[in-house]
Structures are given as C-alpha cells and as structure tokens.
C-alpha cells in the first residue's frame, strides 16, 4: 500500500497539528491549581528568607551591644581602615609627591589597590543605605 503524500500534506496536516498542539493545552482548573501551589511555595520561601534576615538582625544587634571591642568594634574598624586608605590615596600620596618634588627630593608614594578598598567601602555603604531606607520607610520597604 502506497503512502498518500497529498492527503498527508493537504487535509490531514492541519488536523494533526491541531491534535498535537491541543494535547499541550492545560486544563484551566489544573492551571489555576498549579498557580495556587506556586503562590503558596513563593510565600513559604519569602517567609524563610524573612526568618533568616531576622536571625541575622538579631546577631548584628547582639554584636553591636557587646562590651567586647573585638566583637563590637570590627565594623567601625573596617570603616576606619577604608577612611584611612582613601585619605592616603587621595590626599597624603598626591600631596606628599607634590611637596617632595618641590623640595627637590622626589618620592614616589606607593598606590593602593583601589578595587579592593572600594569594594569593601561600597559593601559597607550599601548596607548603610539599606538601613537608612528601612528607617525612612518605617521598615515597609519592598523589593520588586
């Protein structure tokens, strides 16, 4: 028996295509159930994320209230290291180089790796901005 290409390409192709595509359509009730389950999973995930953030805030609060300088002072120490590094890079080294050249004893001050320093400072300032936004919005800031 010979295969009939004309009937396959002509009349049956549309019916086959409709049948194949139609088999991938989801039942609307099933789609709504899946969307509901997805929303529930998303809410549960957001709850877990908020629990982790709350736990970190409690740790940060305990560190800040500690009387031990080694525990409570590491964040200010990192900030001061950043300030001293920026002061050196943008004031001390250029002015020192200029003044030493004027005194006819040229000294080339070493430069700092600004990528590392600015990454450190940017992280600290970024976290500071987040806290400021939370304070300004009374903790009602949302991420989209």
N, C-alpha and C. Protein backbone atom coordinates (compact mmCIF):
# COMPACT_ATOMS: atom_id res chain seq x y z
N UNK A 1 0.86 -1.16 0.00
CA UNK A 1 0.00 0.00 0.00
C UNK A 1 0.90 1.22 0.00
N UNK A 2 0.63 2.15 -0.89
CA UNK A 2 1.46 3.32 -1.07
C UNK A 2 0.99 4.44 -0.13
N UNK A 3 1.98 5.19 0.34
CA UNK A 3 1.67 6.31 1.23
C UNK A 3 1.15 7.47 0.39
N UNK A 4 0.07 8.11 0.83
CA UNK A 4 -0.55 9.20 0.09
C UNK A 4 -0.05 10.53 0.64
N UNK A 5 1.01 11.09 0.00
CA UNK A 5 1.59 12.34 0.43
C UNK A 5 0.60 13.50 0.31
N UNK A 6 -0.21 13.46 -0.70
CA UNK A 6 -1.16 14.56 -0.92
C UNK A 6 -2.14 14.69 0.22
N UNK A 7 -2.67 13.60 0.69
CA UNK A 7 -3.63 13.71 1.79
C UNK A 7 -2.93 14.06 3.10
N UNK A 8 -1.66 13.59 3.24
CA UNK A 8 -0.93 13.91 4.46
C UNK A 8 -0.59 15.41 4.52
N UNK A 9 -0.09 15.96 3.44
CA UNK A 9 0.30 17.37 3.43
C UNK A 9 -0.92 18.27 3.36
N UNK A 10 -1.91 17.89 2.61
CA UNK A 10 -3.06 18.76 2.39
C UNK A 10 -4.04 18.78 3.54
N UNK A 11 -4.89 17.79 3.65
CA UNK A 11 -6.01 17.83 4.57
C UNK A 11 -5.66 17.34 5.97
N UNK A 12 -4.81 16.35 6.06
CA UNK A 12 -4.53 15.77 7.37
C UNK A 12 -3.52 16.57 8.19
N UNK A 13 -2.70 17.39 7.54
CA UNK A 13 -1.68 18.15 8.26
C UNK A 13 -2.30 19.10 9.28
N UNK A 14 -3.32 19.81 8.91
CA UNK A 14 -3.99 20.73 9.84
C UNK A 14 -4.59 19.99 11.02
N UNK A 15 -5.21 18.84 10.75
CA UNK A 15 -5.82 18.07 11.83
C UNK A 15 -4.75 17.51 12.77
N UNK A 16 -3.65 17.05 12.22
CA UNK A 16 -2.57 16.52 13.05
C UNK A 16 -1.96 17.63 13.90
N UNK A 17 -1.72 18.77 13.27
CA UNK A 17 -1.16 19.91 14.00
C UNK A 17 -2.09 20.33 15.13
N UNK A 18 -3.37 20.41 14.86
CA UNK A 18 -4.36 20.79 15.87
C UNK A 18 -4.38 19.78 17.01
N UNK A 19 -4.26 18.51 16.67
CA UNK A 19 -4.29 17.47 17.69
C UNK A 19 -3.03 17.52 18.58
N UNK A 20 -1.85 17.73 17.93
CA UNK A 20 -0.59 17.78 18.70
C UNK A 20 -0.57 19.01 19.60
N UNK A 21 -0.90 20.18 19.05
CA UNK A 21 -0.89 21.41 19.84
C UNK A 21 -1.96 21.35 20.92
N UNK A 22 -3.09 20.83 20.60
CA UNK A 22 -4.18 20.72 21.58
C UNK A 22 -3.82 19.82 22.74
N UNK A 23 -2.96 18.84 22.52
CA UNK A 23 -2.59 17.94 23.62
C UNK A 23 -1.72 18.64 24.65
N UNK A 24 -1.10 19.78 24.28
CA UNK A 24 -0.26 20.52 25.22
C UNK A 24 -1.02 21.58 25.99
N UNK A 25 -2.25 21.83 25.67
CA UNK A 25 -3.04 22.81 26.40
C UNK A 25 -3.40 22.26 27.76
N UNK A 26 -3.24 23.11 28.78
CA UNK A 26 -3.57 22.68 30.14
C UNK A 26 -5.04 22.99 30.43
N UNK A 27 -5.62 22.14 31.22
CA UNK A 27 -6.99 22.37 31.68
C UNK A 27 -6.97 23.61 32.56
N UNK A 28 -7.88 24.57 32.37
CA UNK A 28 -7.86 25.80 33.16
C UNK A 28 -7.92 25.56 34.66
N UNK A 29 -8.65 24.58 35.10
CA UNK A 29 -8.72 24.32 36.55
C UNK A 29 -7.38 23.80 37.07
N UNK A 30 -6.73 22.97 36.26
CA UNK A 30 -5.41 22.46 36.66
C UNK A 30 -4.40 23.62 36.68
N UNK A 31 -4.48 24.50 35.68
CA UNK A 31 -3.57 25.64 35.63
C UNK A 31 -3.76 26.52 36.86
N UNK A 32 -5.01 26.76 37.28
CA UNK A 32 -5.26 27.55 38.48
C UNK A 32 -4.73 26.87 39.73
N UNK A 33 -4.87 25.55 39.80
CA UNK A 33 -4.34 24.82 40.95
C UNK A 33 -2.82 24.93 41.02
N UNK A 34 -2.17 24.80 39.87
CA UNK A 34 -0.71 24.90 39.83
C UNK A 34 -0.27 26.31 40.20
N UNK A 35 -0.98 27.33 39.71
CA UNK A 35 -0.64 28.70 40.07
C UNK A 35 -0.82 28.92 41.57
N UNK A 36 -1.86 28.35 42.15
CA UNK A 36 -2.07 28.46 43.60
C UNK A 36 -0.96 27.80 44.38
N UNK A 37 -0.54 26.62 43.93
CA UNK A 37 0.56 25.92 44.60
C UNK A 37 1.86 26.71 44.46
N UNK A 38 2.07 27.29 43.29
CA UNK A 38 3.26 28.12 43.08
C UNK A 38 3.24 29.34 44.00
N UNK A 39 2.10 29.98 44.15
CA UNK A 39 1.98 31.14 45.03
C UNK A 39 2.24 30.74 46.49
N UNK A 40 1.72 29.59 46.90
CA UNK A 40 1.95 29.11 48.27
C UNK A 40 3.44 28.83 48.50
N UNK A 41 4.09 28.23 47.51
CA UNK A 41 5.52 27.94 47.65
C UNK A 41 6.32 29.24 47.71
N UNK A 42 5.91 30.23 46.94
CA UNK A 42 6.61 31.52 46.95
C UNK A 42 6.45 32.21 48.30
N UNK A 43 5.25 32.15 48.87
CA UNK A 43 5.01 32.75 50.18
C UNK A 43 5.84 32.04 51.25
N UNK A 44 5.90 30.71 51.16
CA UNK A 44 6.69 29.95 52.13
C UNK A 44 8.17 30.31 52.01
N UNK A 45 8.66 30.45 50.78
CA UNK A 45 10.06 30.82 50.56
C UNK A 45 10.35 32.22 51.10
N UNK A 46 9.44 33.17 50.86
CA UNK A 46 9.62 34.51 51.39
C UNK A 46 9.62 34.51 52.92
N UNK A 47 8.80 33.67 53.51
CA UNK A 47 8.79 33.55 54.97
C UNK A 47 10.13 33.04 55.50
N UNK A 48 10.70 32.05 54.81
CA UNK A 48 12.00 31.52 55.23
C UNK A 48 13.10 32.58 55.07
N UNK A 49 13.04 33.34 53.99
CA UNK A 49 14.02 34.41 53.79
C UNK A 49 13.90 35.45 54.89
N UNK A 50 12.67 35.83 55.23
CA UNK A 50 12.47 36.81 56.32
C UNK A 50 12.96 36.26 57.65
N UNK A 51 12.77 34.96 57.89
CA UNK A 51 13.28 34.36 59.12
C UNK A 51 14.81 34.45 59.18
N UNK A 52 15.47 34.20 58.05
CA UNK A 52 16.93 34.29 58.01
C UNK A 52 17.40 35.73 58.23
N UNK A 53 16.70 36.66 57.63
CA UNK A 53 17.07 38.08 57.80
C UNK A 53 16.87 38.49 59.26
N UNK A 54 15.77 38.07 59.86
CA UNK A 54 15.52 38.39 61.26
C UNK A 54 16.60 37.80 62.17
N UNK A 55 17.00 36.57 61.87
CA UNK A 55 18.06 35.95 62.67
C UNK A 55 19.37 36.73 62.53
N UNK A 56 19.69 37.19 61.31
CA UNK A 56 20.92 37.96 61.11
C UNK A 56 20.84 39.30 61.83
N UNK A 57 19.66 39.92 61.83
CA UNK A 57 19.48 41.19 62.54
C UNK A 57 19.71 40.99 64.03
N UNK A 58 19.23 39.89 64.57
CA UNK A 58 19.44 39.60 66.00
C UNK A 58 20.93 39.42 66.30
N UNK A 59 21.65 38.75 65.41
CA UNK A 59 23.09 38.57 65.60
C UNK A 59 23.79 39.93 65.54
N UNK A 60 23.42 40.75 64.55
CA UNK A 60 24.03 42.08 64.42
C UNK A 60 23.75 42.93 65.65
N UNK A 61 22.54 42.86 66.18
CA UNK A 61 22.18 43.62 67.37
C UNK A 61 22.99 43.16 68.57
N UNK A 62 23.15 41.86 68.72
CA UNK A 62 23.95 41.33 69.84
C UNK A 62 25.41 41.76 69.71
N UNK A 63 25.93 41.76 68.48
CA UNK A 63 27.32 42.21 68.27
C UNK A 63 27.46 43.69 68.61
N UNK A 64 26.51 44.49 68.19
CA UNK A 64 26.59 45.94 68.43
C UNK A 64 26.49 46.27 69.91
N UNK A 65 25.76 45.48 70.67
CA UNK A 65 25.58 45.76 72.10
C UNK A 65 26.68 45.14 72.96
N UNK A 66 27.56 44.38 72.37
CA UNK A 66 28.61 43.72 73.12
C UNK A 66 29.59 44.75 73.69
N UNK A 67 30.07 44.51 74.89
CA UNK A 67 31.08 45.37 75.53
C UNK A 67 32.48 44.99 75.08
N UNK A 68 32.63 43.85 74.47
CA UNK A 68 33.92 43.37 74.00
C UNK A 68 34.26 44.11 72.70
N UNK A 69 35.38 44.83 72.67
CA UNK A 69 35.75 45.61 71.50
C UNK A 69 35.99 44.71 70.29
N UNK A 70 36.51 43.50 70.53
CA UNK A 70 36.79 42.58 69.43
C UNK A 70 35.51 42.17 68.72
N UNK A 71 34.41 42.09 69.44
CA UNK A 71 33.12 41.70 68.85
C UNK A 71 32.41 42.92 68.28
N UNK A 72 32.32 44.00 69.04
CA UNK A 72 31.54 45.17 68.64
C UNK A 72 32.32 46.13 67.75
N UNK A 73 33.63 46.04 67.75
CA UNK A 73 34.42 47.05 67.06
C UNK A 73 34.89 46.70 65.67
N UNK A 74 34.54 45.52 65.17
CA UNK A 74 35.09 45.15 63.87
C UNK A 74 34.48 45.97 62.74
N UNK A 75 33.23 46.31 62.81
CA UNK A 75 32.63 47.12 61.73
C UNK A 75 33.20 48.55 61.73
N UNK A 76 33.27 49.21 62.87
CA UNK A 76 33.92 50.53 62.85
C UNK A 76 35.38 50.45 62.41
N UNK A 77 36.06 49.38 62.78
CA UNK A 77 37.47 49.24 62.38
C UNK A 77 37.58 49.14 60.86
N UNK A 78 36.69 48.38 60.24
CA UNK A 78 36.71 48.26 58.78
C UNK A 78 36.40 49.62 58.14
N UNK A 79 35.48 50.36 58.73
CA UNK A 79 35.17 51.71 58.22
C UNK A 79 36.37 52.64 58.34
N UNK A 80 37.06 52.60 59.47
CA UNK A 80 38.22 53.48 59.65
C UNK A 80 39.37 53.08 58.74
N UNK A 81 39.55 51.80 58.51
CA UNK A 81 40.58 51.36 57.56
C UNK A 81 40.27 51.91 56.17
N UNK A 82 39.00 51.90 55.79
CA UNK A 82 38.60 52.45 54.49
C UNK A 82 38.86 53.96 54.44
N UNK A 83 38.53 54.66 55.51
CA UNK A 83 38.75 56.11 55.55
C UNK A 83 40.23 56.43 55.46
N UNK A 84 41.05 55.72 56.22
CA UNK A 84 42.49 55.96 56.18
C UNK A 84 43.05 55.64 54.79
N UNK A 85 42.57 54.57 54.19
CA UNK A 85 43.02 54.22 52.84
C UNK A 85 42.65 55.28 51.82
N UNK A 86 41.44 55.79 51.89
CA UNK A 86 41.03 56.86 50.97
C UNK A 86 41.80 58.14 51.25
N UNK A 87 42.01 58.46 52.51
CA UNK A 87 42.78 59.64 52.87
C UNK A 87 44.20 59.56 52.30
N UNK A 88 44.81 58.40 52.46
CA UNK A 88 46.16 58.22 51.93
C UNK A 88 46.16 58.35 50.41
N UNK A 89 45.25 57.62 49.74
CA UNK A 89 45.25 57.55 48.28
C UNK A 89 44.96 58.89 47.62
N UNK A 90 44.04 59.66 48.20
CA UNK A 90 43.60 60.88 47.53
C UNK A 90 44.14 62.18 48.12
N UNK A 91 44.76 62.12 49.30
CA UNK A 91 45.34 63.34 49.88
C UNK A 91 46.83 63.19 50.19
N UNK A 92 47.15 62.23 51.02
CA UNK A 92 48.52 62.11 51.50
C UNK A 92 49.49 61.80 50.37
N UNK A 93 49.21 60.78 49.55
CA UNK A 93 50.14 60.40 48.48
C UNK A 93 50.29 61.50 47.43
N UNK A 94 49.19 62.09 46.92
CA UNK A 94 49.40 63.14 45.91
C UNK A 94 50.10 64.38 46.48
N UNK A 95 49.69 64.81 47.67
CA UNK A 95 50.33 65.99 48.26
C UNK A 95 51.77 65.70 48.65
N UNK A 96 52.02 64.50 49.17
CA UNK A 96 53.39 64.13 49.52
C UNK A 96 54.29 64.09 48.30
N UNK A 97 53.77 63.54 47.20
CA UNK A 97 54.54 63.51 45.96
C UNK A 97 54.82 64.93 45.46
N UNK A 98 53.83 65.79 45.51
CA UNK A 98 53.99 67.17 45.05
C UNK A 98 54.99 67.92 45.92
N UNK A 99 54.84 67.83 47.23
CA UNK A 99 55.74 68.55 48.12
C UNK A 99 57.17 68.02 48.04
N UNK A 100 57.32 66.70 47.89
CA UNK A 100 58.68 66.16 47.78
C UNK A 100 59.33 66.60 46.47
N UNK A 101 58.52 66.75 45.41
CA UNK A 101 59.07 67.24 44.13
C UNK A 101 59.47 68.71 44.27
N UNK A 102 58.66 69.50 44.99
CA UNK A 102 59.01 70.91 45.20
C UNK A 102 60.28 71.06 46.04
N UNK A 103 60.53 70.11 46.93
CA UNK A 103 61.72 70.15 47.78
C UNK A 103 62.93 69.51 47.09
N UNK A 104 62.77 69.14 45.82
CA UNK A 104 63.83 68.53 45.02
C UNK A 104 64.30 67.20 45.58
N UNK A 105 63.40 66.50 46.26
CA UNK A 105 63.67 65.15 46.74
C UNK A 105 62.46 64.29 46.36
N UNK A 106 62.29 64.06 45.08
CA UNK A 106 61.10 63.37 44.58
C UNK A 106 60.97 61.98 45.20
N UNK A 107 59.82 61.76 45.80
CA UNK A 107 59.49 60.48 46.41
C UNK A 107 58.20 59.99 45.75
N UNK A 108 58.24 58.78 45.24
CA UNK A 108 57.04 58.20 44.64
C UNK A 108 56.31 57.39 45.71
N UNK A 109 55.19 57.89 46.15
CA UNK A 109 54.40 57.17 47.14
C UNK A 109 53.71 55.99 46.47
N UNK A 110 53.70 54.85 47.14
CA UNK A 110 53.02 53.69 46.53
C UNK A 110 51.51 53.93 46.49
N UNK A 111 50.88 53.33 45.50
CA UNK A 111 49.42 53.45 45.38
C UNK A 111 48.75 52.22 45.99
N UNK A 112 47.54 52.41 46.39
CA UNK A 112 46.76 51.31 46.98
C UNK A 112 45.91 50.64 45.90
N UNK A 113 45.55 49.39 46.15
CA UNK A 113 44.63 48.68 45.26
C UNK A 113 43.22 49.20 45.54
N UNK A 114 42.79 50.15 44.75
CA UNK A 114 41.50 50.80 44.99
C UNK A 114 40.32 49.87 44.73
N UNK A 115 40.51 48.86 43.90
CA UNK A 115 39.42 47.92 43.63
C UNK A 115 38.99 47.23 44.92
N UNK A 116 39.95 46.74 45.66
CA UNK A 116 39.64 46.07 46.92
C UNK A 116 39.07 47.05 47.94
N UNK A 117 39.70 48.21 48.05
CA UNK A 117 39.25 49.19 49.04
C UNK A 117 37.84 49.68 48.73
N UNK A 118 37.56 49.99 47.48
CA UNK A 118 36.23 50.48 47.12
C UNK A 118 35.17 49.39 47.21
N UNK A 119 35.55 48.14 46.96
CA UNK A 119 34.60 47.03 47.15
C UNK A 119 34.21 46.92 48.61
N UNK A 120 35.19 47.01 49.48
CA UNK A 120 34.94 46.97 50.91
C UNK A 120 34.06 48.14 51.35
N UNK A 121 34.43 49.33 50.93
CA UNK A 121 33.68 50.52 51.31
C UNK A 121 32.28 50.51 50.70
N UNK A 122 32.19 50.09 49.44
CA UNK A 122 30.87 50.03 48.78
C UNK A 122 29.93 49.06 49.49
N UNK A 123 30.46 47.95 49.92
CA UNK A 123 29.63 47.00 50.67
C UNK A 123 29.13 47.60 51.97
N UNK A 124 30.00 48.29 52.66
CA UNK A 124 29.60 48.91 53.92
C UNK A 124 28.58 50.02 53.67
N UNK A 125 28.82 50.85 52.68
CA UNK A 125 27.88 51.94 52.39
C UNK A 125 26.57 51.41 51.84
N UNK A 126 26.64 50.36 51.06
CA UNK A 126 25.41 49.75 50.54
C UNK A 126 24.53 49.24 51.65
N UNK A 127 25.14 48.58 52.62
CA UNK A 127 24.38 48.09 53.76
C UNK A 127 23.84 49.26 54.58
N UNK A 128 24.63 50.32 54.67
CA UNK A 128 24.18 51.51 55.38
C UNK A 128 22.99 52.16 54.70
N UNK A 129 23.01 52.19 53.38
CA UNK A 129 21.89 52.77 52.65
C UNK A 129 20.63 51.93 52.84
N UNK A 130 20.78 50.62 52.87
CA UNK A 130 19.63 49.74 53.10
C UNK A 130 19.01 50.04 54.45
N UNK A 131 19.85 50.21 55.48
CA UNK A 131 19.33 50.54 56.80
C UNK A 131 18.63 51.89 56.82
N UNK A 132 19.20 52.85 56.11
CA UNK A 132 18.59 54.18 56.04
C UNK A 132 17.23 54.12 55.36
N UNK A 133 17.13 53.38 54.27
CA UNK A 133 15.84 53.23 53.57
C UNK A 133 14.82 52.58 54.48
N UNK A 134 15.23 51.56 55.23
CA UNK A 134 14.31 50.92 56.16
C UNK A 134 13.83 51.90 57.23
N UNK A 135 14.73 52.73 57.74
CA UNK A 135 14.34 53.70 58.75
C UNK A 135 13.39 54.75 58.17
N UNK A 136 13.67 55.18 56.94
CA UNK A 136 12.84 56.21 56.32
C UNK A 136 11.45 55.68 55.97
N UNK A 137 11.35 54.39 55.66
CA UNK A 137 10.05 53.82 55.29
C UNK A 137 9.42 53.05 56.44
N UNK A 138 9.97 53.22 57.65
CA UNK A 138 9.48 52.51 58.83
C UNK A 138 9.45 51.00 58.65
N UNK A 139 10.44 50.48 57.94
CA UNK A 139 10.53 49.04 57.74
C UNK A 139 9.58 48.51 56.69
N UNK A 140 8.94 49.40 55.92
CA UNK A 140 7.97 48.95 54.92
C UNK A 140 8.53 48.95 53.52
N UNK A 141 9.87 48.88 53.38
CA UNK A 141 10.44 48.86 52.04
C UNK A 141 10.22 47.49 51.44
N UNK A 142 9.95 47.47 50.15
CA UNK A 142 9.72 46.20 49.46
C UNK A 142 10.63 46.15 48.26
N UNK A 143 11.01 44.92 47.89
CA UNK A 143 11.82 44.70 46.70
C UNK A 143 10.94 44.13 45.62
N UNK A 144 11.08 44.61 44.42
CA UNK A 144 10.29 44.08 43.29
C UNK A 144 11.21 43.48 42.28
